[in-house]
Amino acid sequence: MKRIKLVVAYDGTDYCGWQVQPSGITIEEVLNRSLSELLGEDIQVTGASRTDSGVHSLGNVAVFDTETRIPADKICLALNQRLPEDIVVQSSCQVEEDFHPRRCYSEKTYEYRILNRKIPMPTLRRDTYFCYRNLDVKKMQQAADYLVGEHDFKSFCSVKTDVEHTVRRILSCEVRKSPEDIITIRVIGTGFLYNMVRIIAGTLICAGSGELDPEDMPGILEGKDRRLAGPTAPAHGLTMTGILYKNEISAELEKKRLKF
């Protein structure tokens, strides 16, 4: 028996999120079915991040155990022949038997994209939220700066969240606007609560539109009340861009930060 790690990219538009559920088709369900057919075994993958319905990924991580003799690095090529066009495995490799994508230390990167202009662009409708209101990127960044560090993010998670602790650590939260009028909010952290990044995005949009002041952020954090933060931004603007584990972090993460 060996453990295989997959790096999975997907357009989440037509899926009910990552995790298998009775209400609709999910990324995990498609991977399980396709791997089971390919390998002739009952395969159940374990994912690193249970992305919500409509959320995209460029590099979610999943592992599974198998007795196949197919070389680990070739599994992605064979699997992609069976997957739909909106799910593509970017790489596959063998990892230690005790590697678990959620229990090992990792740093996750999410990006929320906003098309900020008066007229929408149809080619961006699936992965970019359209906002016609003028957003002040400087104020958005000022508000974002308060989120960096270890805080209780209870105000920034869905009321449905069933977790014992709501303290999380944000390593970086940066806001940039491109010449094409796309504002990108990039958040890097060691862990996130349910809907946390989408609520951060919604709150930063409020800061950019003048609905709240950047200086309100400490009070929102200290209040530990979901009603104090902004709305949950629509799912389709959010993409998980990647996950780095302890042995991958230093050089690659610095490269990503410098490029942004």
Protein backbone atom coordinates (compact mmCIF):
# COMPACT_ATOMS: atom_id res chain seq x y z
CA MET A 1 0.00 0.00 0.00
CA LYS A 2 1.27 3.49 -0.86
CA ARG A 3 -0.06 6.99 -0.34
CA ILE A 4 -0.42 9.30 -3.34
CA LYS A 5 -0.68 13.08 -3.21
CA LEU A 6 -2.63 14.95 -5.90
CA VAL A 7 -2.59 18.67 -6.65
CA VAL A 8 -6.01 19.44 -8.08
CA ALA A 9 -7.23 22.49 -10.04
CA TYR A 10 -10.89 23.02 -10.79
CA ASP A 11 -13.54 25.46 -11.91
CA GLY A 12 -16.05 25.14 -9.08
CA THR A 13 -18.95 26.79 -10.90
CA ASP A 14 -20.95 23.64 -11.54
CA TYR A 15 -20.11 21.81 -8.30
CA CYS A 16 -21.53 21.83 -4.78
CA GLY A 17 -18.12 22.35 -3.27
CA TRP A 18 -15.40 19.83 -2.49
CA GLN A 19 -16.91 17.48 0.07
CA VAL A 20 -19.27 14.65 -0.87
CA GLN A 21 -22.88 15.49 0.00
CA PRO A 22 -26.34 14.25 -0.98
CA SER A 23 -27.56 17.52 -2.49
CA GLY A 24 -25.39 17.59 -5.62
CA ILE A 25 -22.21 16.58 -7.40
CA THR A 26 -18.89 17.56 -5.77
CA ILE A 27 -15.20 17.57 -6.67
CA GLU A 28 -14.44 14.83 -4.14
CA GLU A 29 -17.18 12.62 -5.56
CA VAL A 30 -15.84 12.92 -9.11
CA LEU A 31 -12.28 12.15 -7.99
CA ASN A 32 -13.38 9.12 -5.97
CA ARG A 33 -15.37 7.69 -8.86
CA SER A 34 -12.71 8.34 -11.50
CA LEU A 35 -9.86 6.96 -9.37
CA SER A 36 -11.85 3.85 -8.44
CA GLU A 37 -12.56 3.16 -12.12
CA LEU A 38 -8.93 3.78 -13.11
CA LEU A 39 -7.31 1.70 -10.37
CA GLY A 40 -9.95 -0.98 -9.87
CA GLU A 41 -10.07 -0.25 -6.13
CA ASP A 42 -12.47 1.53 -3.79
CA ILE A 43 -10.70 4.89 -3.54
CA GLN A 44 -11.69 7.63 -1.10
CA VAL A 45 -9.59 10.79 -1.28
CA THR A 46 -8.88 13.07 1.67
CA GLY A 47 -8.73 16.76 0.76
CA ALA A 48 -6.76 19.57 2.36
CA SER A 49 -9.46 22.22 1.95
CA ARG A 50 -13.20 21.70 1.74
CA THR A 51 -13.93 24.57 -0.60
CA ASP A 52 -17.51 25.85 -0.77
CA SER A 53 -19.96 25.53 -3.63
CA GLY A 54 -18.83 27.69 -6.54
CA VAL A 55 -15.29 28.28 -5.22
CA HIS A 56 -12.37 27.51 -7.54
CA SER A 57 -8.90 26.08 -7.03
CA LEU A 58 -5.55 26.15 -8.76
CA GLY A 59 -3.93 23.78 -6.30
CA ASN A 60 -6.02 21.98 -3.71
CA VAL A 61 -4.30 18.91 -2.28
CA ALA A 62 -5.76 15.44 -1.83
CA VAL A 63 -4.29 12.07 -0.85
CA PHE A 64 -5.42 8.47 -1.19
CA ASP A 65 -4.04 5.01 -0.52
CA THR A 66 -3.65 2.44 -3.29
CA GLU A 67 -1.99 -0.84 -4.21
CA THR A 68 -1.65 0.10 -7.88
CA ARG A 69 1.59 -0.57 -9.75
CA ILE A 70 1.14 2.56 -11.88
CA PRO A 71 4.06 4.92 -11.13
CA ALA A 72 2.93 7.71 -8.82
CA ASP A 73 3.92 10.50 -11.19
CA LYS A 74 1.95 8.93 -14.05
CA ILE A 75 -1.35 8.66 -12.17
CA CYS A 76 -2.26 12.28 -12.92
CA LEU A 77 -1.86 11.71 -16.66
CA ALA A 78 -4.06 8.62 -16.64
CA LEU A 79 -6.61 10.19 -14.32
CA ASN A 80 -7.00 13.36 -16.40
CA GLN A 81 -8.19 11.21 -19.30
CA ARG A 82 -11.23 10.27 -17.18
CA LEU A 83 -11.97 13.63 -15.56
CA PRO A 84 -14.26 16.35 -16.95
CA GLU A 85 -12.61 19.42 -18.45
CA ASP A 86 -13.28 21.56 -15.37
CA ILE A 87 -11.22 19.30 -13.06
CA VAL A 88 -7.55 18.73 -13.85
CA VAL A 89 -4.91 17.07 -11.66
CA GLN A 90 -1.76 19.13 -11.98
CA SER A 91 0.62 16.58 -10.46
CA SER A 92 0.79 13.32 -8.53
CA CYS A 93 3.54 11.88 -6.35
CA GLN A 94 4.10 9.36 -3.58
CA VAL A 95 4.32 10.72 -0.03
CA GLU A 96 5.01 9.24 3.40
CA GLU A 97 2.27 6.97 4.72
CA ASP A 98 1.55 9.30 7.64
CA PHE A 99 1.18 12.43 5.51
CA HIS A 100 -2.24 14.01 6.07
CA PRO A 101 -3.15 17.14 4.07
CA ARG A 102 -5.11 18.76 6.91
CA ARG A 103 -3.02 17.74 9.94
CA CYS A 104 0.41 18.71 8.64
CA TYR A 105 1.53 22.33 9.02
CA SER A 106 0.66 24.24 5.87
CA GLU A 107 0.19 27.74 4.54
CA LYS A 108 -2.80 28.26 2.27
CA THR A 109 -3.20 31.07 -0.24
CA TYR A 110 -6.57 32.38 -1.40
CA GLU A 111 -7.29 35.14 -3.89
CA TYR A 112 -10.54 37.04 -4.22
CA ARG A 113 -10.94 38.84 -7.58
CA ILE A 114 -13.16 41.86 -8.15
CA LEU A 115 -13.80 43.53 -11.50
CA ASN A 116 -14.20 47.14 -10.40
CA ARG A 117 -15.63 49.27 -13.19
CA LYS A 118 -19.01 50.40 -14.51
CA ILE A 119 -19.54 47.67 -17.12
CA PRO A 120 -19.08 43.90 -16.55
CA MET A 121 -16.95 41.62 -18.73
CA PRO A 122 -18.66 38.34 -19.72
CA THR A 123 -15.42 36.34 -19.98
CA LEU A 124 -14.70 37.03 -16.28
CA ARG A 125 -18.14 36.16 -14.95
CA ARG A 126 -17.20 32.70 -13.66
CA ASP A 127 -14.20 33.60 -11.48
CA THR A 128 -14.42 37.35 -10.80
CA TYR A 129 -17.00 39.28 -8.80
CA PHE A 130 -18.30 42.39 -10.56
CA CYS A 131 -18.63 45.54 -8.45
CA TYR A 132 -19.66 48.79 -10.14
CA ARG A 133 -19.13 50.98 -7.05
CA ASN A 134 -15.84 52.85 -6.88
CA LEU A 135 -13.53 51.06 -4.45
CA ASP A 136 -10.62 52.80 -2.76
CA VAL A 137 -7.81 50.23 -2.82
CA LYS A 138 -5.72 52.22 -0.36
CA LYS A 139 -8.48 52.08 2.25
CA MET A 140 -9.00 48.37 1.55
CA GLN A 141 -5.31 47.75 2.23
CA GLN A 142 -5.41 49.82 5.41
CA ALA A 143 -8.29 47.69 6.65
CA ALA A 144 -6.55 44.48 5.57
CA ASP A 145 -3.42 45.34 7.57
CA TYR A 146 -5.36 44.99 10.82
CA LEU A 147 -6.10 41.34 10.02
CA VAL A 148 -2.47 40.22 9.82
CA GLY A 149 -1.32 38.22 12.83
CA GLU A 150 -3.05 35.87 15.25
CA HIS A 151 -6.58 36.97 16.13
CA ASP A 152 -9.93 35.58 17.15
CA PHE A 153 -11.79 35.66 13.81
CA LYS A 154 -15.22 34.83 15.22
CA SER A 155 -16.63 37.96 13.51
CA PHE A 156 -15.31 36.62 10.20
CA CYS A 157 -16.86 33.17 10.12
CA SER A 158 -20.32 31.89 9.32
CA VAL A 159 -22.67 31.52 12.28
CA LYS A 160 -23.04 27.88 11.17
CA THR A 161 -19.38 27.21 11.98
CA ASP A 162 -19.11 24.37 14.50
CA VAL A 163 -15.57 24.70 15.84
CA GLU A 164 -14.28 24.93 19.38
CA HIS A 165 -11.69 27.63 18.70
CA THR A 166 -11.93 30.57 16.27
CA VAL A 167 -8.38 31.88 16.65
CA ARG A 168 -6.46 31.80 13.36
CA ARG A 169 -3.20 33.23 12.05
CA ILE A 170 -3.05 35.41 8.93
CA LEU A 171 0.46 35.77 7.51
CA SER A 172 -0.33 38.25 4.78
CA CYS A 173 -3.37 40.14 3.46
CA GLU A 174 -2.66 42.30 0.42
CA VAL A 175 -4.87 44.24 -1.97
CA ARG A 176 -3.76 45.19 -5.49
CA LYS A 177 -5.48 46.66 -8.55
CA SER A 178 -4.38 45.82 -12.08
CA PRO A 179 -4.52 48.11 -15.14
CA GLU A 180 -7.47 45.95 -16.28
CA ASP A 181 -9.51 47.15 -13.27
CA ILE A 182 -9.25 43.84 -11.41
CA ILE A 183 -8.76 44.17 -7.66
CA THR A 184 -7.17 41.08 -6.13
CA ILE A 185 -7.28 40.39 -2.40
CA ARG A 186 -4.62 37.81 -1.56
CA VAL A 187 -4.78 36.17 1.87
CA ILE A 188 -2.15 33.75 3.17
CA GLY A 189 -2.76 31.90 6.42
CA THR A 190 -2.15 28.72 8.34
CA GLY A 191 -5.85 27.95 8.61
CA PHE A 192 -9.27 29.41 7.88
CA LEU A 193 -12.77 29.22 9.31
CA TYR A 194 -15.91 28.49 7.30
CA ASN A 195 -16.50 31.39 4.84
CA MET A 196 -13.70 33.37 6.50
CA VAL A 197 -11.98 34.59 3.32
CA ARG A 198 -15.28 35.52 1.67
CA ILE A 199 -16.30 37.52 4.74
CA ILE A 200 -12.90 39.22 4.79
CA ALA A 201 -13.42 40.11 1.12
CA GLY A 202 -16.92 41.44 1.80
CA THR A 203 -15.64 43.53 4.69
CA LEU A 204 -12.75 44.96 2.66
CA ILE A 205 -15.20 45.86 -0.10
CA CYS A 206 -17.18 47.81 2.52
CA ALA A 207 -13.98 49.60 3.52
CA GLY A 208 -13.25 50.42 -0.10
CA SER A 209 -16.75 51.79 -0.74
CA GLY A 210 -16.76 53.92 2.41
CA GLU A 211 -19.40 51.89 4.27
CA LEU A 212 -16.92 51.40 7.09
CA ASP A 213 -13.61 52.99 8.04
CA PRO A 214 -10.38 50.98 8.06
CA GLU A 215 -10.04 51.96 11.74
CA ASP A 216 -13.22 50.00 12.46
CA MET A 217 -11.39 46.70 11.94
CA PRO A 218 -9.93 46.32 15.47
CA GLY A 219 -13.40 46.79 16.94
CA ILE A 220 -14.86 44.22 14.55
CA LEU A 221 -12.21 41.69 15.61
CA GLU A 222 -12.62 42.44 19.32
CA GLY A 223 -16.41 42.29 19.09
CA LYS A 224 -16.40 38.59 18.10
CA ASP A 225 -19.81 39.06 16.50
CA ARG A 226 -20.57 38.10 12.89
CA ARG A 227 -23.00 41.02 12.59
CA LEU A 228 -20.14 43.52 12.93
CA ALA A 229 -18.28 42.43 9.77
CA GLY A 230 -19.31 42.94 6.17
CA PRO A 231 -21.38 40.58 4.01
CA THR A 232 -20.12 37.27 2.69
CA ALA A 233 -18.78 38.01 -0.79
CA PRO A 234 -20.11 35.75 -3.59
CA ALA A 235 -18.35 32.40 -3.93
CA HIS A 236 -17.40 32.65 -7.60
CA GLY A 237 -14.82 35.38 -6.95
CA LEU A 238 -12.75 33.13 -4.68
CA THR A 239 -9.92 30.85 -5.79
CA MET A 240 -7.60 28.78 -3.65
CA THR A 241 -4.31 29.33 -5.46
CA GLY A 242 -2.22 26.82 -3.56
CA ILE A 243 -1.07 25.07 -0.40
CA LEU A 244 2.52 24.82 0.75
CA TYR A 245 3.68 22.32 3.35
CA LYS A 246 6.57 22.77 5.77
CA ASN A 247 9.31 21.48 3.47
CA GLU A 248 8.04 23.59 0.54
CA ILE A 249 7.40 26.92 2.21
CA SER A 250 10.43 29.19 2.45
CA ALA A 251 11.60 29.63 -1.13
CA GLU A 252 8.28 29.14 -2.91
CA LEU A 253 6.25 31.37 -0.59
CA GLU A 254 8.77 34.18 -0.84
CA LYS A 255 8.62 33.88 -4.64
CA LYS A 256 4.82 34.22 -4.57
CA ARG A 257 4.91 37.26 -2.29
CA LEU A 258 7.45 39.02 -4.49
CA LYS A 259 5.38 38.41 -7.64
CA PHE A 260 2.15 39.86 -6.25
